[in-house]
Amino acid sequence: TPFEGHNTAEFTMLPQGDGTHVTWLMHGPA
């Protein structure tokens, strides 16, 4: 609720120099 939806969320953490490149992705059918 309030609307039905089914998605996938992905978090990736890639080392980058002295830190990390973090990506938050959500995808699925509309």
Full PDB file with SEQRES, HELIX, SHEET, SSBOND, CRYST1, ORIGX, SCALE, CONECT and MASTER records, all heavy atoms in Angstrom:
SEQRES   1 A   30  THR PRO PHE GLU GLY HIS ASN THR ALA GLU PHE THR MET          
SEQRES   2 A   30  LEU PRO GLN GLY ASP GLY THR HIS VAL THR TRP LEU MET          
SEQRES   3 A   30  HIS GLY PRO ALA                                              
SHEET    1 AA1 2 THR A   8  GLN A  16  0                                        
SHEET    2 AA1 2 GLY A  19  HIS A  27 -1                                        
CRYST1    1.000    1.000    1.000  90.00  90.00  90.00 P 1           1          
ORIGX1      1.000000  0.000000  0.000000        0.00000                         
ORIGX2      0.000000  1.000000  0.000000        0.00000                         
ORIGX3      0.000000  0.000000  1.000000        0.00000                         
SCALE1      1.000000  0.000000  0.000000        0.00000                         
SCALE2      0.000000  1.000000  0.000000        0.00000                         
SCALE3      0.000000  0.000000  1.000000        0.00000                         
ATOM      1  N   THR A   1       0.860  -1.183   0.000  1.00  0.00           N  
ATOM      2  CA  THR A   1       0.000   0.000   0.000  1.00  0.00           C  
ATOM      3  C   THR A   1       0.895   1.230   0.000  1.00  0.00           C  
ATOM      4  O   THR A   1       2.037   1.149   0.468  1.00  0.00           O  
ATOM      5  CB  THR A   1      -0.926   0.046   1.243  1.00  0.00           C  
ATOM      6  OG1 THR A   1      -0.122   0.130   2.423  1.00  0.00           O  
ATOM      7  CG2 THR A   1      -1.844  -1.150   1.318  1.00  0.00           C  
ATOM      8  N   PRO A   2       0.520   2.354  -0.508  1.00  0.00           N  
ATOM      9  CA  PRO A   2      -0.797   2.647  -1.062  1.00  0.00           C  
ATOM     10  C   PRO A   2      -1.002   2.062  -2.460  1.00  0.00           C  
ATOM     11  O   PRO A   2      -2.128   1.936  -2.929  1.00  0.00           O  
ATOM     12  CB  PRO A   2      -0.844   4.170  -1.096  1.00  0.00           C  
ATOM     13  CG  PRO A   2       0.579   4.584  -1.260  1.00  0.00           C  
ATOM     14  CD  PRO A   2       1.380   3.542  -0.515  1.00  0.00           C  
ATOM     15  N   PHE A   3       0.115   1.684  -3.136  1.00  0.00           N  
ATOM     16  CA  PHE A   3       0.020   1.038  -4.441  1.00  0.00           C  
ATOM     17  C   PHE A   3       0.920  -0.175  -4.448  1.00  0.00           C  
ATOM     18  O   PHE A   3       2.017  -0.140  -3.900  1.00  0.00           O  
ATOM     19  CB  PHE A   3       0.454   1.991  -5.572  1.00  0.00           C  
ATOM     20  CG  PHE A   3      -0.355   3.243  -5.638  1.00  0.00           C  
ATOM     21  CD1 PHE A   3       0.166   4.446  -5.207  1.00  0.00           C  
ATOM     22  CD2 PHE A   3      -1.649   3.212  -6.125  1.00  0.00           C  
ATOM     23  CE1 PHE A   3      -0.578   5.612  -5.259  1.00  0.00           C  
ATOM     24  CE2 PHE A   3      -2.418   4.369  -6.177  1.00  0.00           C  
ATOM     25  CZ  PHE A   3      -1.883   5.569  -5.753  1.00  0.00           C  
ATOM     26  N   GLU A   4       0.474  -1.237  -5.076  1.00  0.00           N  
ATOM     27  CA  GLU A   4       1.294  -2.436  -5.159  1.00  0.00           C  
ATOM     28  C   GLU A   4       2.411  -2.231  -6.169  1.00  0.00           C  
ATOM     29  O   GLU A   4       2.208  -1.651  -7.238  1.00  0.00           O  
ATOM     30  CB  GLU A   4       0.438  -3.638  -5.565  1.00  0.00           C  
ATOM     31  CG  GLU A   4       1.207  -4.929  -5.521  1.00  0.00           C  
ATOM     32  CD  GLU A   4       0.337  -6.156  -5.740  1.00  0.00           C  
ATOM     33  OE1 GLU A   4      -0.895  -6.021  -5.806  1.00  0.00           O  
ATOM     34  OE2 GLU A   4       0.907  -7.251  -5.851  1.00  0.00           O  
ATOM     35  N   GLY A   5       3.597  -2.696  -5.798  1.00  0.00           N  
ATOM     36  CA  GLY A   5       4.746  -2.624  -6.690  1.00  0.00           C  
ATOM     37  C   GLY A   5       5.790  -3.626  -6.255  1.00  0.00           C  
ATOM     38  O   GLY A   5       5.906  -3.934  -5.062  1.00  0.00           O  
ATOM     39  N   HIS A   6       6.505  -4.155  -7.214  1.00  0.00           N  
ATOM     40  CA  HIS A   6       7.531  -5.163  -6.926  1.00  0.00           C  
ATOM     41  C   HIS A   6       8.804  -4.745  -7.651  1.00  0.00           C  
ATOM     42  O   HIS A   6       8.833  -4.689  -8.880  1.00  0.00           O  
ATOM     43  CB  HIS A   6       7.055  -6.546  -7.360  1.00  0.00           C  
ATOM     44  CG  HIS A   6       5.738  -6.910  -6.746  1.00  0.00           C  
ATOM     45  ND1 HIS A   6       5.635  -7.315  -5.438  1.00  0.00           N  
ATOM     46  CD2 HIS A   6       4.477  -6.850  -7.232  1.00  0.00           C  
ATOM     47  CE1 HIS A   6       4.348  -7.520  -5.151  1.00  0.00           C  
ATOM     48  NE2 HIS A   6       3.631  -7.247  -6.225  1.00  0.00           N  
ATOM     49  N   ASN A   7       9.827  -4.439  -6.869  1.00  0.00           N  
ATOM     50  CA  ASN A   7      11.074  -3.927  -7.421  1.00  0.00           C  
ATOM     51  C   ASN A   7      12.265  -4.655  -6.825  1.00  0.00           C  
ATOM     52  O   ASN A   7      12.131  -5.444  -5.893  1.00  0.00           O  
ATOM     53  CB  ASN A   7      11.201  -2.430  -7.118  1.00  0.00           C  
ATOM     54  CG  ASN A   7      10.102  -1.629  -7.778  1.00  0.00           C  
ATOM     55  OD1 ASN A   7      10.061  -1.514  -8.989  1.00  0.00           O  
ATOM     56  ND2 ASN A   7       9.196  -1.080  -6.987  1.00  0.00           N  
ATOM     57  N   THR A   8      13.418  -4.319  -7.350  1.00  0.00           N  
ATOM     58  CA  THR A   8      14.687  -4.798  -6.820  1.00  0.00           C  
ATOM     59  C   THR A   8      15.511  -3.575  -6.457  1.00  0.00           C  
ATOM     60  O   THR A   8      15.589  -2.620  -7.240  1.00  0.00           O  
ATOM     61  CB  THR A   8      15.433  -5.645  -7.861  1.00  0.00           C  
ATOM     62  OG1 THR A   8      14.618  -6.762  -8.224  1.00  0.00           O  
ATOM     63  CG2 THR A   8      16.766  -6.143  -7.328  1.00  0.00           C  
ATOM     64  N   ALA A   9      16.086  -3.588  -5.270  1.00  0.00           N  
ATOM     65  CA  ALA A   9      17.000  -2.528  -4.853  1.00  0.00           C  
ATOM     66  C   ALA A   9      18.398  -3.130  -4.790  1.00  0.00           C  
ATOM     67  O   ALA A   9      18.565  -4.274  -4.342  1.00  0.00           O  
ATOM     68  CB  ALA A   9      16.603  -1.966  -3.493  1.00  0.00           C  
ATOM     69  N   GLU A  10      19.368  -2.383  -5.267  1.00  0.00           N  
ATOM     70  CA  GLU A  10      20.749  -2.854  -5.254  1.00  0.00           C  
ATOM     71  C   GLU A  10      21.646  -1.759  -4.695  1.00  0.00           C  
ATOM     72  O   GLU A  10      21.509  -0.597  -5.060  1.00  0.00           O  
ATOM     73  CB  GLU A  10      21.220  -3.206  -6.668  1.00  0.00           C  
ATOM     74  CG  GLU A  10      20.448  -4.338  -7.297  1.00  0.00           C  
ATOM     75  CD  GLU A  10      20.940  -4.677  -8.706  1.00  0.00           C  
ATOM     76  OE1 GLU A  10      22.130  -4.423  -9.007  1.00  0.00           O  
ATOM     77  OE2 GLU A  10      20.136  -5.197  -9.489  1.00  0.00           O  
ATOM     78  N   PHE A  11      22.521  -2.161  -3.808  1.00  0.00           N  
ATOM     79  CA  PHE A  11      23.550  -1.269  -3.286  1.00  0.00           C  
ATOM     80  C   PHE A  11      24.894  -1.844  -3.707  1.00  0.00           C  
ATOM     81  O   PHE A  11      25.149  -3.028  -3.465  1.00  0.00           O  
ATOM     82  CB  PHE A  11      23.503  -1.199  -1.757  1.00  0.00           C  
ATOM     83  CG  PHE A  11      22.278  -0.507  -1.219  1.00  0.00           C  
ATOM     84  CD1 PHE A  11      21.106  -1.205  -1.004  1.00  0.00           C  
ATOM     85  CD2 PHE A  11      22.313   0.855  -0.923  1.00  0.00           C  
ATOM     86  CE1 PHE A  11      19.982  -0.579  -0.501  1.00  0.00           C  
ATOM     87  CE2 PHE A  11      21.195   1.493  -0.417  1.00  0.00           C  
ATOM     88  CZ  PHE A  11      20.014   0.785  -0.212  1.00  0.00           C  
ATOM     89  N   THR A  12      25.721  -1.015  -4.335  1.00  0.00           N  
ATOM     90  CA  THR A  12      27.071  -1.455  -4.673  1.00  0.00           C  
ATOM     91  C   THR A  12      28.058  -0.510  -4.009  1.00  0.00           C  
ATOM     92  O   THR A  12      27.829   0.701  -3.945  1.00  0.00           O  
ATOM     93  CB  THR A  12      27.316  -1.491  -6.195  1.00  0.00           C  
ATOM     94  OG1 THR A  12      26.998  -0.221  -6.752  1.00  0.00           O  
ATOM     95  CG2 THR A  12      26.472  -2.564  -6.859  1.00  0.00           C  
ATOM     96  N   MET A  13      29.137  -1.080  -3.502  1.00  0.00           N  
ATOM     97  CA  MET A  13      30.186  -0.333  -2.835  1.00  0.00           C  
ATOM     98  C   MET A  13      31.510  -0.684  -3.497  1.00  0.00           C  
ATOM     99  O   MET A  13      32.021  -1.783  -3.301  1.00  0.00           O  
ATOM    100  CB  MET A  13      30.212  -0.675  -1.340  1.00  0.00           C  
ATOM    101  CG  MET A  13      29.013  -0.090  -0.600  1.00  0.00           C  
ATOM    102  SD  MET A  13      28.240  -1.201   0.581  1.00  0.00           S  
ATOM    103  CE  MET A  13      27.321  -2.306  -0.469  1.00  0.00           C  
ATOM    104  N   LEU A  14      32.011   0.244  -4.308  1.00  0.00           N  
ATOM    105  CA  LEU A  14      33.245  -0.005  -5.042  1.00  0.00           C  
ATOM    106  C   LEU A  14      34.366   0.863  -4.482  1.00  0.00           C  
ATOM    107  O   LEU A  14      34.233   2.085  -4.434  1.00  0.00           O  
ATOM    108  CB  LEU A  14      33.044   0.301  -6.531  1.00  0.00           C  
ATOM    109  CG  LEU A  14      31.947  -0.514  -7.218  1.00  0.00           C  
ATOM    110  CD1 LEU A  14      31.732  -0.022  -8.638  1.00  0.00           C  
ATOM    111  CD2 LEU A  14      32.292  -1.988  -7.202  1.00  0.00           C  
ATOM    112  N   PRO A  15      35.478   0.230  -4.059  1.00  0.00           N  
ATOM    113  CA  PRO A  15      36.611   1.009  -3.562  1.00  0.00           C  
ATOM    114  C   PRO A  15      37.063   2.014  -4.624  1.00  0.00           C  
ATOM    115  O   PRO A  15      37.089   1.703  -5.822  1.00  0.00           O  
ATOM    116  CB  PRO A  15      37.691  -0.038  -3.312  1.00  0.00           C  
ATOM    117  CG  PRO A  15      36.950  -1.326  -3.192  1.00  0.00           C  
ATOM    118  CD  PRO A  15      35.746  -1.199  -4.066  1.00  0.00           C  
ATOM    119  N   GLN A  16      37.371   3.222  -4.158  1.00  0.00           N  
ATOM    120  CA  GLN A  16      37.788   4.283  -5.075  1.00  0.00           C  
ATOM    121  C   GLN A  16      38.769   5.175  -4.327  1.00  0.00           C  
ATOM    122  O   GLN A  16      38.358   5.972  -3.474  1.00  0.00           O  
ATOM    123  CB  GLN A  16      36.557   5.060  -5.533  1.00  0.00           C  
ATOM    124  CG  GLN A  16      36.820   6.144  -6.538  1.00  0.00           C  
ATOM    125  CD  GLN A  16      35.538   6.855  -6.929  1.00  0.00           C  
ATOM    126  OE1 GLN A  16      34.743   7.222  -6.071  1.00  0.00           O  
ATOM    127  NE2 GLN A  16      35.351   7.056  -8.219  1.00  0.00           N  
ATOM    128  N   GLY A  17      40.047   5.018  -4.624  1.00  0.00           N  
ATOM    129  CA  GLY A  17      41.068   5.796  -3.915  1.00  0.00           C  
ATOM    130  C   GLY A  17      41.021   5.506  -2.430  1.00  0.00           C  
ATOM    131  O   GLY A  17      41.071   4.355  -2.008  1.00  0.00           O  
ATOM    132  N   ASP A  18      40.854   6.575  -1.617  1.00  0.00           N  
ATOM    133  CA  ASP A  18      40.799   6.395  -0.164  1.00  0.00           C  
ATOM    134  C   ASP A  18      39.369   6.258   0.345  1.00  0.00           C  
ATOM    135  O   ASP A  18      39.106   6.411   1.531  1.00  0.00           O  
ATOM    136  CB  ASP A  18      41.504   7.555   0.545  1.00  0.00           C  
ATOM    137  CG  ASP A  18      40.810   8.891   0.316  1.00  0.00           C  
ATOM    138  OD1 ASP A  18      39.980   8.986  -0.610  1.00  0.00           O  
ATOM    139  OD2 ASP A  18      41.104   9.845   1.068  1.00  0.00           O  
ATOM    140  N   GLY A  19      38.448   5.966  -0.558  1.00  0.00           N  
ATOM    141  CA  GLY A  19      37.053   5.865  -0.156  1.00  0.00           C  
ATOM    142  C   GLY A  19      36.297   4.811  -0.944  1.00  0.00           C  
ATOM    143  O   GLY A  19      36.881   3.864  -1.463  1.00  0.00           O  
ATOM    144  N   THR A  20      34.992   5.029  -1.034  1.00  0.00           N  
ATOM    145  CA  THR A  20      34.100   4.066  -1.674  1.00  0.00           C  
ATOM    146  C   THR A  20      33.056   4.811  -2.488  1.00  0.00           C  
ATOM    147  O   THR A  20      32.482   5.790  -2.017  1.00  0.00           O  
ATOM    148  CB  THR A  20      33.394   3.209  -0.596  1.00  0.00           C  
ATOM    149  OG1 THR A  20      34.383   2.597   0.232  1.00  0.00           O  
ATOM    150  CG2 THR A  20      32.518   2.135  -1.228  1.00  0.00           C  
ATOM    151  N   HIS A  21      32.827   4.331  -3.678  1.00  0.00           N  
ATOM    152  CA  HIS A  21      31.739   4.851  -4.517  1.00  0.00           C  
ATOM    153  C   HIS A  21      30.515   3.977  -4.233  1.00  0.00           C  
ATOM    154  O   HIS A  21      30.524   2.784  -4.516  1.00  0.00           O  
ATOM    155  CB  HIS A  21      32.127   4.786  -5.996  1.00  0.00           C  
ATOM    156  CG  HIS A  21      31.099   5.380  -6.899  1.00  0.00           C  
ATOM    157  ND1 HIS A  21      30.969   6.728  -7.082  1.00  0.00           N  
ATOM    158  CD2 HIS A  21      30.139   4.801  -7.655  1.00  0.00           C  
ATOM    159  CE1 HIS A  21      29.982   6.964  -7.919  1.00  0.00           C  
ATOM    160  NE2 HIS A  21      29.459   5.808  -8.274  1.00  0.00           N  
ATOM    161  N   VAL A  22      29.473   4.575  -3.627  1.00  0.00           N  
ATOM    162  CA  VAL A  22      28.272   3.834  -3.234  1.00  0.00           C  
ATOM    163  C   VAL A  22      27.135   4.204  -4.186  1.00  0.00           C  
ATOM    164  O   VAL A  22      26.864   5.391  -4.402  1.00  0.00           O  
ATOM    165  CB  VAL A  22      27.856   4.158  -1.784  1.00  0.00           C  
ATOM    166  CG1 VAL A  22      26.614   3.372  -1.381  1.00  0.00           C  
ATOM    167  CG2 VAL A  22      29.006   3.888  -0.828  1.00  0.00           C  
ATOM    168  N   THR A  23      26.469   3.193  -4.726  1.00  0.00           N  
ATOM    169  CA  THR A  23      25.330   3.406  -5.619  1.00  0.00           C  
ATOM    170  C   THR A  23      24.107   2.712  -5.040  1.00  0.00           C  
ATOM    171  O   THR A  23      24.182   1.559  -4.610  1.00  0.00           O  
ATOM    172  CB  THR A  23      25.613   2.851  -7.028  1.00  0.00           C  
ATOM    173  OG1 THR A  23      26.751   3.543  -7.559  1.00  0.00           O  
ATOM    174  CG2 THR A  23      24.429   3.039  -7.956  1.00  0.00           C  
ATOM    175  N   TRP A  24      22.993   3.423  -5.049  1.00  0.00           N  
ATOM    176  CA  TRP A  24      21.688   2.898  -4.630  1.00  0.00           C  
ATOM    177  C   TRP A  24      20.814   2.905  -5.878  1.00  0.00           C  
ATOM    178  O   TRP A  24      20.546   3.949  -6.460  1.00  0.00           O  
ATOM    179  CB  TRP A  24      21.102   3.786  -3.548  1.00  0.00           C  
ATOM    180  CG  TRP A  24      19.833   3.309  -2.894  1.00  0.00           C  
ATOM    181  CD1 TRP A  24      19.052   2.239  -3.224  1.00  0.00           C  
ATOM    182  CD2 TRP A  24      19.192   3.912  -1.759  1.00  0.00           C  
ATOM    183  NE1 TRP A  24      17.984   2.132  -2.381  1.00  0.00           N  
ATOM    184  CE2 TRP A  24      18.045   3.163  -1.459  1.00  0.00           C  
ATOM    185  CE3 TRP A  24      19.480   5.021  -0.976  1.00  0.00           C  
ATOM    186  CZ2 TRP A  24      17.183   3.477  -0.417  1.00  0.00           C  
ATOM    187  CZ3 TRP A  24      18.626   5.340   0.067  1.00  0.00           C  
ATOM    188  CH2 TRP A  24      17.487   4.565   0.343  1.00  0.00           C  
ATOM    189  N   LEU A  25      20.391   1.733  -6.281  1.00  0.00           N  
ATOM    190  CA  LEU A  25      19.592   1.563  -7.495  1.00  0.00           C  
ATOM    191  C   LEU A  25      18.306   0.828  -7.151  1.00  0.00           C  
ATOM    192  O   LEU A  25      18.332  -0.140  -6.390  1.00  0.00           O  
ATOM    193  CB  LEU A  25      20.382   0.745  -8.530  1.00  0.00           C  
ATOM    194  CG  LEU A  25      19.620   0.150  -9.712  1.00  0.00           C  
ATOM    195  CD1 LEU A  25      19.093   1.244 -10.637  1.00  0.00           C  
ATOM    196  CD2 LEU A  25      20.512  -0.812 -10.482  1.00  0.00           C  
ATOM    197  N   MET A  26      17.193   1.287  -7.700  1.00  0.00           N  
ATOM    198  CA  MET A  26      15.929   0.560  -7.605  1.00  0.00           C  
ATOM    199  C   MET A  26      15.391   0.416  -9.020  1.00  0.00           C  
ATOM    200  O   MET A  26      15.376   1.379  -9.783  1.00  0.00           O  
ATOM    201  CB  MET A  26      14.909   1.302  -6.738  1.00  0.00           C  
ATOM    202  CG  MET A  26      13.599   0.514  -6.586  1.00  0.00           C  
ATOM    203  SD  MET A  26      12.367   1.358  -5.558  1.00  0.00           S  
ATOM    204  CE  MET A  26      11.758   2.569  -6.714  1.00  0.00           C  
ATOM    205  N   HIS A  27      14.987  -0.801  -9.367  1.00  0.00           N  
ATOM    206  CA  HIS A  27      14.435  -1.023 -10.696  1.00  0.00           C  
ATOM    207  C   HIS A  27      13.353  -2.089 -10.636  1.00  0.00           C  
ATOM    208  O   HIS A  27      13.336  -2.933  -9.726  1.00  0.00           O  
ATOM    209  CB  HIS A  27      15.533  -1.401 -11.699  1.00  0.00           C  
ATOM    210  CG  HIS A  27      16.304  -2.632 -11.315  1.00  0.00           C  
ATOM    211  ND1 HIS A  27      15.918  -3.899 -11.687  1.00  0.00           N  
ATOM    212  CD2 HIS A  27      17.421  -2.792 -10.570  1.00  0.00           C  
ATOM    213  CE1 HIS A  27      16.779  -4.784 -11.213  1.00  0.00           C  
ATOM    214  NE2 HIS A  27      17.700  -4.133 -10.515  1.00  0.00           N  
ATOM    215  N   GLY A  28      12.445  -2.018 -11.582  1.00  0.00           N  
ATOM    216  CA  GLY A  28      11.382  -3.005 -11.653  1.00  0.00           C  
ATOM    217  C   GLY A  28      10.333  -2.588 -12.661  1.00  0.00           C  
ATOM    218  O   GLY A  28      10.405  -1.498 -13.249  1.00  0.00           O  
ATOM    219  N   PRO A  29       9.363  -3.450 -12.855  1.00  0.00           N  
ATOM    220  CA  PRO A  29       8.318  -3.134 -13.829  1.00  0.00           C  
ATOM    221  C   PRO A  29       7.446  -1.974 -13.354  1.00  0.00           C  
ATOM    222  O   PRO A  29       7.155  -1.846 -12.177  1.00  0.00           O  
ATOM    223  CB  PRO A  29       7.505  -4.431 -13.912  1.00  0.00           C  
ATOM    224  CG  PRO A  29       7.789  -5.149 -12.638  1.00  0.00           C  
ATOM    225  CD  PRO A  29       9.158  -4.737 -12.198  1.00  0.00           C  
ATOM    226  N   ALA A  30       7.065  -1.135 -14.300  1.00  0.00           N  
ATOM    227  CA  ALA A  30       6.153  -0.021 -14.005  1.00  0.00           C  
ATOM    228  C   ALA A  30       4.764  -0.460 -14.461  1.00  0.00           C  
ATOM    229  O   ALA A  30       4.468  -0.475 -15.659  1.00  0.00           O  
ATOM    230  CB  ALA A  30       6.591   1.245 -14.740  1.00  0.00           C  
TER     231      ALA A  30                                                      
MASTER        0    0    0    0    2    0    0    6  230    1    0    3          
END                                                                             
